[in-house]
Protein backbone atom coordinates (compact mmCIF):
# COMPACT_ATOMS: atom_id res chain seq x y z
CA MET A 1 0.01 0.08 -0.09
CA GLY A 2 1.20 3.47 -0.67
CA LEU A 3 1.80 5.43 2.42
CA ALA A 4 3.53 8.66 1.75
CA LEU A 5 0.88 11.06 0.58
CA VAL A 6 -1.86 10.62 3.06
CA ALA A 7 -1.76 12.92 5.85
CA PRO A 8 -1.87 11.52 9.46
CA GLY A 9 -4.98 12.12 11.16
CA THR A 10 -7.35 11.47 8.16
CA ALA A 11 -9.99 8.96 8.27
CA LEU A 12 -7.95 6.86 5.55
CA ALA A 13 -4.75 7.22 7.54
CA GLN A 14 -6.57 6.43 10.68
CA LYS A 15 -8.31 3.25 8.78
CA ALA A 16 -4.96 2.14 7.29
CA GLY A 17 -2.98 2.68 10.61
CA MET A 18 -0.61 5.03 9.14
CA THR A 19 1.86 7.09 10.73
CA ALA A 20 3.09 10.32 9.68
CA PRO A 21 5.52 9.14 6.68
CA THR A 22 8.53 10.97 5.31
CA ARG A 23 9.69 9.03 2.32
CA PRO A 24 9.75 10.45 -1.09
CA LEU A 25 6.60 9.60 -3.17
CA ILE A 26 6.70 7.10 -5.85
CA ILE A 27 4.54 8.66 -8.54
CA ALA A 28 3.73 6.12 -11.45
CA HIS A 29 3.90 8.01 -14.56
CA ARG A 30 0.99 7.08 -16.71
CA GLY A 31 1.07 3.78 -14.42
CA ALA A 32 3.83 1.35 -14.85
CA SER A 33 4.15 2.36 -18.42
CA GLY A 34 7.49 0.89 -18.82
CA GLU A 35 5.55 -2.52 -18.65
CA ARG A 36 2.13 -1.95 -19.83
CA PRO A 37 0.56 0.52 -22.38
CA GLU A 38 0.25 3.84 -20.74
CA HIS A 39 -2.83 5.28 -19.21
CA THR A 40 -4.56 1.96 -19.05
CA ILE A 41 -6.15 -0.03 -15.90
CA ALA A 42 -3.62 -2.67 -16.62
CA SER A 43 -0.70 -0.21 -16.41
CA TYR A 44 -2.10 1.60 -13.09
CA THR A 45 -2.67 -1.76 -11.43
CA ARG A 46 0.71 -2.87 -12.18
CA ALA A 47 2.14 0.25 -10.68
CA ILE A 48 0.15 -0.46 -7.59
CA GLU A 49 1.34 -3.83 -7.35
CA GLN A 50 4.98 -2.61 -7.52
CA GLY A 51 4.64 -0.36 -4.83
CA ALA A 52 3.63 2.92 -6.24
CA ASP A 53 2.24 5.61 -3.84
CA VAL A 54 0.41 7.54 -6.40
CA ILE A 55 -1.01 6.79 -9.91
CA GLU A 56 -1.11 9.53 -12.48
CA PRO A 57 -3.70 10.07 -15.01
CA ASP A 58 -3.44 12.75 -17.79
CA LEU A 59 -6.75 14.17 -18.51
CA VAL A 60 -8.56 15.12 -21.55
CA PRO A 61 -12.44 15.76 -22.21
CA THR A 62 -14.72 13.76 -24.72
CA LYS A 63 -17.28 15.47 -26.89
CA ASP A 64 -19.97 14.86 -24.22
CA ASP A 65 -17.33 16.42 -21.29
CA VAL A 66 -16.26 13.35 -19.63
CA LEU A 67 -12.81 13.31 -18.44
CA VAL A 68 -10.68 10.29 -19.67
CA ALA A 69 -6.93 9.27 -19.14
CA ARG A 70 -4.73 10.09 -22.28
CA HIS A 71 -1.52 11.58 -22.28
CA GLU A 72 -2.51 13.90 -25.27
CA ASN A 73 -5.83 14.49 -27.06
CA GLU A 74 -4.38 13.27 -30.28
CA ILE A 75 -4.88 9.36 -30.00
CA SER A 76 -3.50 7.65 -33.12
CA ASP A 77 -0.37 6.68 -31.25
CA THR A 78 -1.93 5.16 -28.33
CA THR A 79 -5.28 3.44 -29.72
CA ASP A 80 -6.04 1.56 -32.48
CA VAL A 81 -8.39 4.20 -33.83
CA ALA A 82 -6.83 3.95 -37.46
CA GLN A 83 -8.23 0.54 -37.72
CA HIS A 84 -11.61 1.81 -37.28
CA PRO A 85 -13.22 2.75 -40.72
CA GLU A 86 -16.29 3.90 -39.19
CA PHE A 87 -14.11 6.89 -37.67
CA ALA A 88 -11.93 7.85 -40.81
CA ASP A 89 -13.74 10.75 -41.43
CA ARG A 90 -12.72 12.12 -37.92
CA ARG A 91 -9.21 12.55 -38.81
CA THR A 92 -8.32 15.94 -38.89
CA THR A 93 -5.73 18.74 -38.36
CA LYS A 94 -5.71 21.05 -35.37
CA THR A 95 -3.28 23.45 -33.59
CA ILE A 96 -2.79 22.65 -30.15
CA ASP A 97 -0.83 25.12 -28.16
CA GLY A 98 0.82 26.59 -31.31
CA GLN A 99 1.71 22.89 -32.79
CA SER A 100 -0.03 21.61 -35.92
CA LEU A 101 -1.13 18.06 -35.35
CA THR A 102 -3.02 15.78 -37.71
CA GLY A 103 -4.81 12.58 -36.25
CA TRP A 104 -8.05 11.81 -34.26
CA PHE A 105 -8.82 13.86 -31.15
CA VAL A 106 -10.70 12.85 -28.10
CA GLU A 107 -12.88 16.00 -27.98
CA ASP A 108 -14.45 14.82 -31.26
CA PHE A 109 -15.64 11.49 -29.74
CA THR A 110 -18.31 10.75 -27.24
CA LEU A 111 -17.50 8.43 -24.28
CA ALA A 112 -19.35 5.46 -26.01
CA GLU A 113 -17.35 5.83 -29.24
CA LEU A 114 -14.20 6.01 -27.35
CA LYS A 115 -14.88 2.88 -25.38
CA THR A 116 -15.06 0.89 -28.95
CA LEU A 117 -11.28 1.80 -29.07
CA ARG A 118 -8.42 -0.25 -27.74
CA ALA A 119 -5.09 0.87 -26.34
CA LYS A 120 -1.72 0.12 -27.74
CA GLU A 121 1.99 0.60 -26.87
CA ARG A 122 2.85 4.23 -27.82
CA LEU A 123 6.89 3.35 -27.84
CA PRO A 124 7.02 -0.21 -29.46
CA GLN A 125 10.54 0.21 -30.58
CA LEU A 126 11.77 0.91 -27.31
CA ARG A 127 9.26 -1.37 -25.32
CA PRO A 128 8.32 -4.12 -27.62
CA ALA A 129 7.18 -6.49 -24.87
CA ASN A 130 4.35 -3.91 -24.15
CA THR A 131 2.87 -4.83 -27.56
CA ALA A 132 1.56 -8.16 -25.98
CA TRP A 133 -1.09 -5.85 -24.65
CA ASP A 134 -2.21 -4.04 -27.59
CA GLY A 135 -5.81 -4.48 -28.24
CA LYS A 136 -6.86 -5.62 -24.77
CA GLU A 137 -7.56 -2.35 -22.78
CA ALA A 138 -10.11 0.18 -23.31
CA ILE A 139 -9.68 4.06 -22.39
CA PRO A 140 -10.29 4.42 -18.88
CA THR A 141 -12.42 7.24 -17.43
CA PHE A 142 -11.12 9.46 -14.67
CA ALA A 143 -13.97 7.98 -12.65
CA GLU A 144 -12.75 4.35 -13.31
CA VAL A 145 -9.09 5.64 -12.09
CA ILE A 146 -10.49 7.21 -9.05
CA ALA A 147 -12.47 3.89 -8.22
CA LEU A 148 -9.20 1.86 -8.70
CA ALA A 149 -7.16 4.20 -6.50
CA LYS A 150 -9.81 4.02 -3.80
CA GLN A 151 -9.83 0.16 -3.94
CA HIS A 152 -6.12 0.05 -3.37
CA HIS A 153 -5.54 2.96 -1.10
CA VAL A 154 -3.15 4.75 -3.26
CA GLY A 155 -3.32 8.42 -4.18
CA ILE A 156 -3.80 10.05 -7.68
CA TYR A 157 -2.07 12.81 -9.48
CA PRO A 158 -4.04 14.08 -12.38
CA GLU A 159 -2.63 16.48 -14.97
CA THR A 160 -5.06 18.83 -16.84
CA LYS A 161 -3.78 18.69 -20.42
CA HIS A 162 -4.01 21.81 -22.66
CA PRO A 163 -6.58 23.77 -20.40
CA THR A 164 -6.46 26.88 -22.28
CA TYR A 165 -7.01 25.26 -25.65
CA PHE A 166 -9.87 23.21 -24.11
CA ARG A 167 -11.47 26.35 -22.61
CA SER A 168 -10.98 28.00 -26.00
CA ILE A 169 -13.14 25.30 -27.71
CA GLY A 170 -15.99 25.21 -25.16
CA HIS A 171 -14.65 22.16 -23.23
CA PRO A 172 -13.20 23.82 -19.80
CA THR A 173 -11.77 21.03 -17.68
CA ASP A 174 -11.14 22.56 -14.40
CA ALA A 175 -14.79 22.72 -12.97
CA LEU A 176 -15.16 19.10 -14.25
CA LEU A 177 -11.98 17.86 -12.43
CA VAL A 178 -12.89 19.64 -9.15
CA ALA A 179 -16.38 18.31 -9.18
CA GLN A 180 -15.42 14.64 -9.65
CA LEU A 181 -12.89 15.00 -6.78
CA ARG A 182 -15.18 16.47 -4.62
CA ALA A 183 -17.92 13.72 -5.44
CA ALA A 184 -15.16 11.26 -4.44
CA GLY A 185 -14.79 13.11 -1.04
CA TRP A 186 -11.53 14.74 -1.95
CA ASP A 187 -11.53 18.72 -1.57
CA SER A 188 -8.87 19.30 1.12
CA ARG A 189 -5.01 19.61 1.35
CA ALA A 190 -5.19 16.23 3.34
CA ALA A 191 -6.66 14.22 0.26
CA PRO A 192 -4.37 11.69 -1.32
CA VAL A 193 -4.56 14.00 -4.44
CA PHE A 194 -2.28 16.42 -6.28
CA ILE A 195 -3.08 18.48 -9.28
CA GLN A 196 -0.47 19.34 -11.93
CA SER A 197 -0.25 21.45 -14.92
CA PHE A 198 2.33 23.17 -17.16
CA GLU A 199 -0.01 26.15 -17.33
CA VAL A 200 0.00 28.86 -14.76
CA ASP A 201 -3.59 30.57 -14.88
CA ASN A 202 -5.53 27.36 -14.63
CA LEU A 203 -3.66 26.48 -11.33
CA LYS A 204 -4.25 29.87 -9.98
CA ARG A 205 -8.01 29.38 -10.82
CA LEU A 206 -7.96 25.88 -9.24
CA ALA A 207 -6.50 27.42 -6.23
CA THR A 208 -9.76 29.45 -5.81
CA MET A 209 -12.13 26.42 -6.39
CA THR A 210 -10.29 23.68 -4.22
CA LYS A 211 -8.10 23.16 -1.26
CA ILE A 212 -6.32 20.23 -2.96
CA ARG A 213 -2.47 20.43 -3.38
CA LEU A 214 -1.37 21.64 -6.81
CA ILE A 215 1.83 21.15 -8.59
CA GLN A 216 3.41 23.61 -11.09
CA LEU A 217 5.28 21.67 -13.64
CA VAL A 218 8.16 23.09 -15.55
CA ALA A 219 10.55 22.22 -18.32
CA ALA A 220 13.98 22.75 -19.22
CA LYS A 221 13.08 24.99 -22.25
CA GLY A 222 10.14 26.84 -23.31
CA ALA A 223 7.19 28.69 -21.50
CA PRO A 224 3.70 27.89 -20.23
CA ALA A 225 1.29 27.82 -23.31
CA ASP A 226 -0.95 30.15 -21.62
CA GLY A 227 1.60 32.93 -21.93
CA ALA A 228 1.50 33.67 -18.06
CA ALA A 229 5.21 33.54 -17.79
CA PRO A 230 7.94 34.69 -20.12
CA SER A 231 9.58 31.26 -19.75
CA TYR A 232 10.16 28.48 -17.31
CA ALA A 233 13.58 29.58 -16.48
CA ALA A 234 12.16 32.48 -15.16
CA MET A 235 9.69 30.61 -13.02
CA VAL A 236 12.63 28.70 -11.27
CA THR A 237 14.69 31.78 -9.86
CA PRO A 238 14.28 32.40 -6.31
CA GLU A 239 12.01 35.28 -7.00
CA GLY A 240 9.98 33.02 -9.41
CA LEU A 241 9.61 30.08 -6.92
CA ARG A 242 8.50 32.32 -4.37
CA ALA A 243 5.73 33.60 -6.90
CA VAL A 244 4.62 29.80 -7.59
CA ALA A 245 4.55 29.19 -3.78
CA ARG A 246 1.82 31.84 -3.56
CA TYR A 247 -0.70 29.15 -5.14
CA ALA A 248 1.23 25.98 -5.60
CA TYR A 249 2.31 23.41 -2.99
CA GLY A 250 4.93 21.99 -5.08
CA LEU A 251 7.31 22.10 -8.13
CA GLY A 252 7.40 19.23 -10.73
CA PRO A 253 10.66 20.06 -12.98
CA GLU A 254 11.96 18.19 -15.61
CA LYS A 255 14.90 15.83 -14.07
CA ALA A 256 17.53 17.68 -16.14
CA MET A 257 16.94 20.88 -14.54
CA LEU A 258 18.38 19.11 -11.10
CA TRP A 259 21.99 18.90 -12.82
CA SER A 260 24.59 20.99 -14.57
CA GLY A 261 26.75 18.03 -15.82
CA ALA A 262 27.50 16.15 -12.80
CA THR A 263 26.96 19.11 -10.41
CA ALA A 264 23.67 19.57 -8.59
CA THR A 265 22.05 22.98 -9.59
CA PRO A 266 20.13 25.08 -6.77
CA LEU A 267 16.85 24.21 -7.94
CA VAL A 268 15.89 21.77 -5.12
CA ARG A 269 17.51 23.88 -2.45
CA ASP A 270 15.81 26.99 -3.74
CA SER A 271 12.38 25.38 -4.18
CA HIS A 272 12.60 24.28 -0.60
CA ALA A 273 13.60 27.62 0.70
CA ALA A 274 10.54 28.97 -1.18
CA GLY A 275 8.30 26.29 0.63
CA LEU A 276 7.74 24.29 -2.54
CA LYS A 277 8.13 20.37 -2.43
CA VAL A 278 9.75 18.93 -5.46
CA HIS A 279 8.77 16.01 -7.66
CA PRO A 280 10.83 15.80 -10.92
CA TRP A 281 10.03 13.85 -13.91
CA THR A 282 10.52 11.43 -15.55
CA TYR A 283 12.88 8.58 -14.54
CA ARG A 284 12.82 5.73 -17.28
CA ALA A 285 15.14 2.91 -17.65
CA GLU A 286 16.04 3.03 -21.36
CA ASN A 287 19.56 4.50 -22.22
CA VAL A 288 17.81 7.01 -24.49
CA PHE A 289 15.93 8.81 -21.51
CA LEU A 290 18.82 8.14 -18.92
CA ASP A 291 21.33 11.09 -17.84
CA PRO A 292 24.44 10.08 -19.93
CA ARG A 293 26.22 9.23 -16.62
CA PHE A 294 23.93 6.13 -16.07
CA ARG A 295 23.65 4.94 -19.50
CA ARG A 296 25.06 1.32 -19.94
CA GLY A 297 26.14 0.39 -23.73
CA ASP A 298 25.10 2.11 -26.76
CA GLN A 299 21.77 0.65 -27.46
CA PRO A 300 18.81 3.23 -26.92
CA ALA A 301 16.49 0.77 -25.73
CA ALA A 302 18.72 -1.06 -23.33
CA HIS A 303 18.24 -0.45 -19.76
CA GLY A 304 20.86 1.46 -17.93
CA ASP A 305 21.29 2.23 -14.22
CA LEU A 306 17.90 3.81 -13.21
CA VAL A 307 18.44 2.96 -9.57
CA GLY A 308 21.76 5.34 -9.69
CA GLU A 309 19.87 8.40 -11.44
CA ILE A 310 16.93 8.22 -9.07
CA ARG A 311 19.37 7.74 -5.77
CA ALA A 312 21.24 10.82 -7.06
CA ALA A 313 18.21 12.89 -7.27
CA LEU A 314 17.12 11.47 -3.90
CA GLY A 315 20.49 12.51 -2.52
CA GLN A 316 19.65 16.22 -3.35
CA GLY A 317 16.63 15.79 -1.20
CA ILE A 318 13.74 15.66 -3.58
CA ASP A 319 10.30 14.90 -2.19
CA GLY A 320 9.05 12.52 -4.78
CA PHE A 321 9.63 11.51 -8.38
CA PHE A 322 7.85 10.50 -11.40
CA THR A 323 8.83 7.07 -13.00
CA ASP A 324 7.62 4.67 -15.75
CA PHE A 325 9.25 1.95 -13.68
CA PRO A 326 7.78 2.03 -10.11
CA ALA A 327 9.37 -1.27 -9.00
CA ILE A 328 12.97 0.30 -9.75
CA GLY A 329 11.69 3.49 -8.14
CA ALA A 330 10.95 1.38 -5.10
CA GLU A 331 14.30 -0.22 -5.10
CA ALA A 332 16.02 3.03 -5.47
CA ARG A 333 14.02 4.41 -2.51
CA ALA A 334 14.60 1.46 -0.19
CA ARG A 335 18.47 1.53 -0.81
CA GLU A 336 18.78 5.43 -0.55
CA THR A 337 16.55 5.59 2.65
CA LYS A 338 18.10 2.39 4.78
């Protein structure tokens, strides 16, 4: 059972016999997406089995305004939609956060239509074993993810995807998200929930709608799509971090931002000084995703020293981490916190 995000003294903590935990959170990035197709019940279940404290559903709305778990609203890479002739005429081109994309988009399907599709592995060249689950899993609703988390007493870490874009087309997601969390009994800082976003204004809006903890995501390059900050770099200066702390509980930085070569940057220290928790993303086992110091061999899909990379970050004092491989994350945490 995941322990690290439930506040002591809450009903769930008392029921589970929990004490105040201090271990960094293992956040299952799209579930155990290193071993199962991402954002499926199979992936989330696998993550829970491997010791994840939290499962992460990225959320996008359907045509009939039901939140479902997909990393992107364009679904040709993660479902078999292209094999459904009845949906051939839904293929289109849209501009999402300034990027032109061609494919099939969740907001053009009702939930009933989406439920006829089946998930597939997004990275088959890197994760060929995962293709054994292609065609077996449906797209889960947010309600189904909540039910799974409650059944297994783990937390959830939803991300609102492209909130400004969805507001612009008449499908605002913030109210839908808060309403579902409230219906689940989650509307306090003690709830086993974190809400994350790469945008700023929707987090500020959410801060007026719910007491649930908010996480500001930042990347090594670029800027929030809503234009609320000139760059992510400006947001992670000491002054920028103090501004983030006025509405957010924590910071979710791209993991590369913790390092300058082999030297730690001041990001974790400065974030903590501003009163922010730090949950970097995303720790993956394949060489192509690893910091060069932790790669093993020259094959992009081969696994390197993910335990070593996570332990290096834990050594900086991070408060949690996103990983596609929760079992490896659990091993790293156990070795670092002995």
